[in-house]
Amino acid sequence: MGGTIPEHRLVPVLTFSLGAPTLPSQGNARGLRLVATDVDWSTGHGPVVTGPGEALLMALAGRSDALGELDGPGALTLADRIA
């Protein structure tokens, strides 16, 4: 992936995705703290998942191909939810 979405667009989309009724983002994020490492964005409480904002967005939306870019104690929980 790697940072192709400008920060001024990515940050609002990350936040919007958590409430978008057609995406599984809210359920995928439940009980996790998500922290973007390349833009100023974080949300949630619980085991931490870190990575580029674009990879977080893709994983929240259920795209498993982004999981390799994520790290932290909550990354396995997120991967299990997507699988």
C-alpha atoms as a PDB file:
ATOM      1  CA  MET A   1       0.000   0.000   0.000  1.00  0.00           C
ATOM      2  CA  GLY A   2       2.066   2.794   1.351  1.00  0.00           C
ATOM      3  CA  GLY A   3       0.722   6.304   1.668  1.00  0.00           C
ATOM      4  CA  THR A   4      -0.972   7.059  -1.630  1.00  0.00           C
ATOM      5  CA  ILE A   5      -3.937   8.824   0.000  1.00  0.00           C
ATOM      6  CA  PRO A   6      -3.115  12.381   1.181  1.00  0.00           C
ATOM      7  CA  GLU A   7      -3.429  12.874   4.958  1.00  0.00           C
ATOM      8  CA  HIS A   8      -6.131  15.544   4.618  1.00  0.00           C
ATOM      9  CA  ARG A   9      -8.328  12.922   2.929  1.00  0.00           C
ATOM     10  CA  LEU A  10      -7.217   9.798   4.777  1.00  0.00           C
ATOM     11  CA  VAL A  11      -7.880  11.023   8.324  1.00  0.00           C
ATOM     12  CA  PRO A  12     -11.562  11.894   7.746  1.00  0.00           C
ATOM     13  CA  VAL A  13     -12.121   8.646   5.840  1.00  0.00           C
ATOM     14  CA  LEU A  14     -10.616   6.582   8.668  1.00  0.00           C
ATOM     15  CA  THR A  15     -13.009   8.214  11.116  1.00  0.00           C
ATOM     16  CA  PHE A  16     -15.988   7.941   8.739  1.00  0.00           C
ATOM     17  CA  SER A  17     -15.333   4.245   8.110  1.00  0.00           C
ATOM     18  CA  LEU A  18     -15.991   3.428  11.770  1.00  0.00           C
ATOM     19  CA  GLY A  19     -19.619   4.472  11.377  1.00  0.00           C
ATOM     20  CA  ALA A  20     -20.251   3.519   7.766  1.00  0.00           C
ATOM     21  CA  PRO A  21     -23.190   1.068   7.795  1.00  0.00           C
ATOM     22  CA  THR A  22     -21.961  -0.830   4.722  1.00  0.00           C
ATOM     23  CA  LEU A  23     -18.487  -1.569   6.139  1.00  0.00           C
ATOM     24  CA  PRO A  24     -17.506  -4.019   8.887  1.00  0.00           C
ATOM     25  CA  SER A  25     -15.122  -1.416  10.363  1.00  0.00           C
ATOM     26  CA  GLN A  26     -16.943  -0.822  13.641  1.00  0.00           C
ATOM     27  CA  GLY A  27     -17.039  -4.515  14.522  1.00  0.00           C
ATOM     28  CA  ASN A  28     -13.455  -5.061  13.382  1.00  0.00           C
ATOM     29  CA  ALA A  29     -12.256  -2.162  15.577  1.00  0.00           C
ATOM     30  CA  ARG A  30     -14.278  -3.064  18.689  1.00  0.00           C
ATOM     31  CA  GLY A  31     -12.077  -3.368  21.780  1.00  0.00           C
ATOM     32  CA  LEU A  32      -8.891  -2.306  19.973  1.00  0.00           C
ATOM     33  CA  ARG A  33      -6.799   0.855  20.008  1.00  0.00           C
ATOM     34  CA  LEU A  34      -5.867   1.760  16.442  1.00  0.00           C
ATOM     35  CA  VAL A  35      -2.879   4.055  15.888  1.00  0.00           C
ATOM     36  CA  ALA A  36      -1.750   5.274  12.481  1.00  0.00           C
ATOM     37  CA  THR A  37       2.020   5.613  12.241  1.00  0.00           C
ATOM     38  CA  ASP A  38       2.128   7.956   9.263  1.00  0.00           C
ATOM     39  CA  VAL A  39      -0.749  10.371   9.931  1.00  0.00           C
ATOM     40  CA  ASP A  40      -2.181  11.982  13.053  1.00  0.00           C
ATOM     41  CA  TRP A  41      -5.020   9.548  13.797  1.00  0.00           C
ATOM     42  CA  SER A  42      -5.889   7.106  16.556  1.00  0.00           C
ATOM     43  CA  THR A  43      -9.035   5.757  18.142  1.00  0.00           C
ATOM     44  CA  GLY A  44     -10.332   3.198  20.584  1.00  0.00           C
ATOM     45  CA  HIS A  45      -9.245   1.444  23.743  1.00  0.00           C
ATOM     46  CA  GLY A  46      -7.671  -1.941  24.252  1.00  0.00           C
ATOM     47  CA  PRO A  47      -4.808  -3.863  22.667  1.00  0.00           C
ATOM     48  CA  VAL A  48      -2.963  -1.641  20.203  1.00  0.00           C
ATOM     49  CA  VAL A  49      -2.817  -2.103  16.441  1.00  0.00           C
ATOM     50  CA  THR A  50      -0.308   0.160  14.671  1.00  0.00           C
ATOM     51  CA  GLY A  51       0.472   0.735  11.036  1.00  0.00           C
ATOM     52  CA  PRO A  52       0.096   3.095   8.114  1.00  0.00           C
ATOM     53  CA  GLY A  53      -3.302   4.779   7.954  1.00  0.00           C
ATOM     54  CA  GLU A  54      -4.101   3.314   4.566  1.00  0.00           C
ATOM     55  CA  ALA A  55      -3.393  -0.228   5.820  1.00  0.00           C
ATOM     56  CA  LEU A  56      -5.572   0.376   8.889  1.00  0.00           C
ATOM     57  CA  LEU A  57      -8.389   1.601   6.643  1.00  0.00           C
ATOM     58  CA  MET A  58      -8.150  -1.431   4.380  1.00  0.00           C
ATOM     59  CA  ALA A  59      -8.036  -3.862   7.317  1.00  0.00           C
ATOM     60  CA  LEU A  60     -10.992  -2.193   9.022  1.00  0.00           C
ATOM     61  CA  ALA A  61     -12.919  -2.614   5.797  1.00  0.00           C
ATOM     62  CA  GLY A  62     -12.131  -6.324   5.864  1.00  0.00           C
ATOM     63  CA  ARG A  63      -9.238  -6.462   3.390  1.00  0.00           C
ATOM     64  CA  SER A  64      -6.795  -9.092   4.629  1.00  0.00           C
ATOM     65  CA  ASP A  65      -4.049  -8.074   2.189  1.00  0.00           C
ATOM     66  CA  ALA A  66      -3.301  -5.061   4.446  1.00  0.00           C
ATOM     67  CA  LEU A  67      -2.642  -7.145   7.567  1.00  0.00           C
ATOM     68  CA  GLY A  68       1.063  -7.605   6.803  1.00  0.00           C
ATOM     69  CA  GLU A  69       1.605  -3.884   7.354  1.00  0.00           C
ATOM     70  CA  LEU A  70       0.053  -3.895  10.833  1.00  0.00           C
ATOM     71  CA  ASP A  71       1.720  -4.619  14.152  1.00  0.00           C
ATOM     72  CA  GLY A  72       1.026  -4.620  17.866  1.00  0.00           C
ATOM     73  CA  PRO A  73      -0.660  -6.835  20.420  1.00  0.00           C
ATOM     74  CA  GLY A  74      -4.107  -6.315  18.859  1.00  0.00           C
ATOM     75  CA  ALA A  75      -3.053  -7.172  15.293  1.00  0.00           C
ATOM     76  CA  LEU A  76      -3.834 -10.887  15.692  1.00  0.00           C
ATOM     77  CA  THR A  77      -7.294 -10.097  17.037  1.00  0.00           C
ATOM     78  CA  LEU A  78      -7.972  -7.894  14.017  1.00  0.00           C
ATOM     79  CA  ALA A  79      -6.662 -10.596  11.676  1.00  0.00           C
ATOM     80  CA  ASP A  80      -8.934 -13.200  13.282  1.00  0.00           C
ATOM     81  CA  ARG A  81     -11.943 -10.932  12.764  1.00  0.00           C
ATOM     82  CA  ILE A  82     -11.152 -10.470   9.086  1.00  0.00           C
ATOM     83  CA  ALA A  83     -10.445 -14.151   8.370  1.00  0.00           C
END
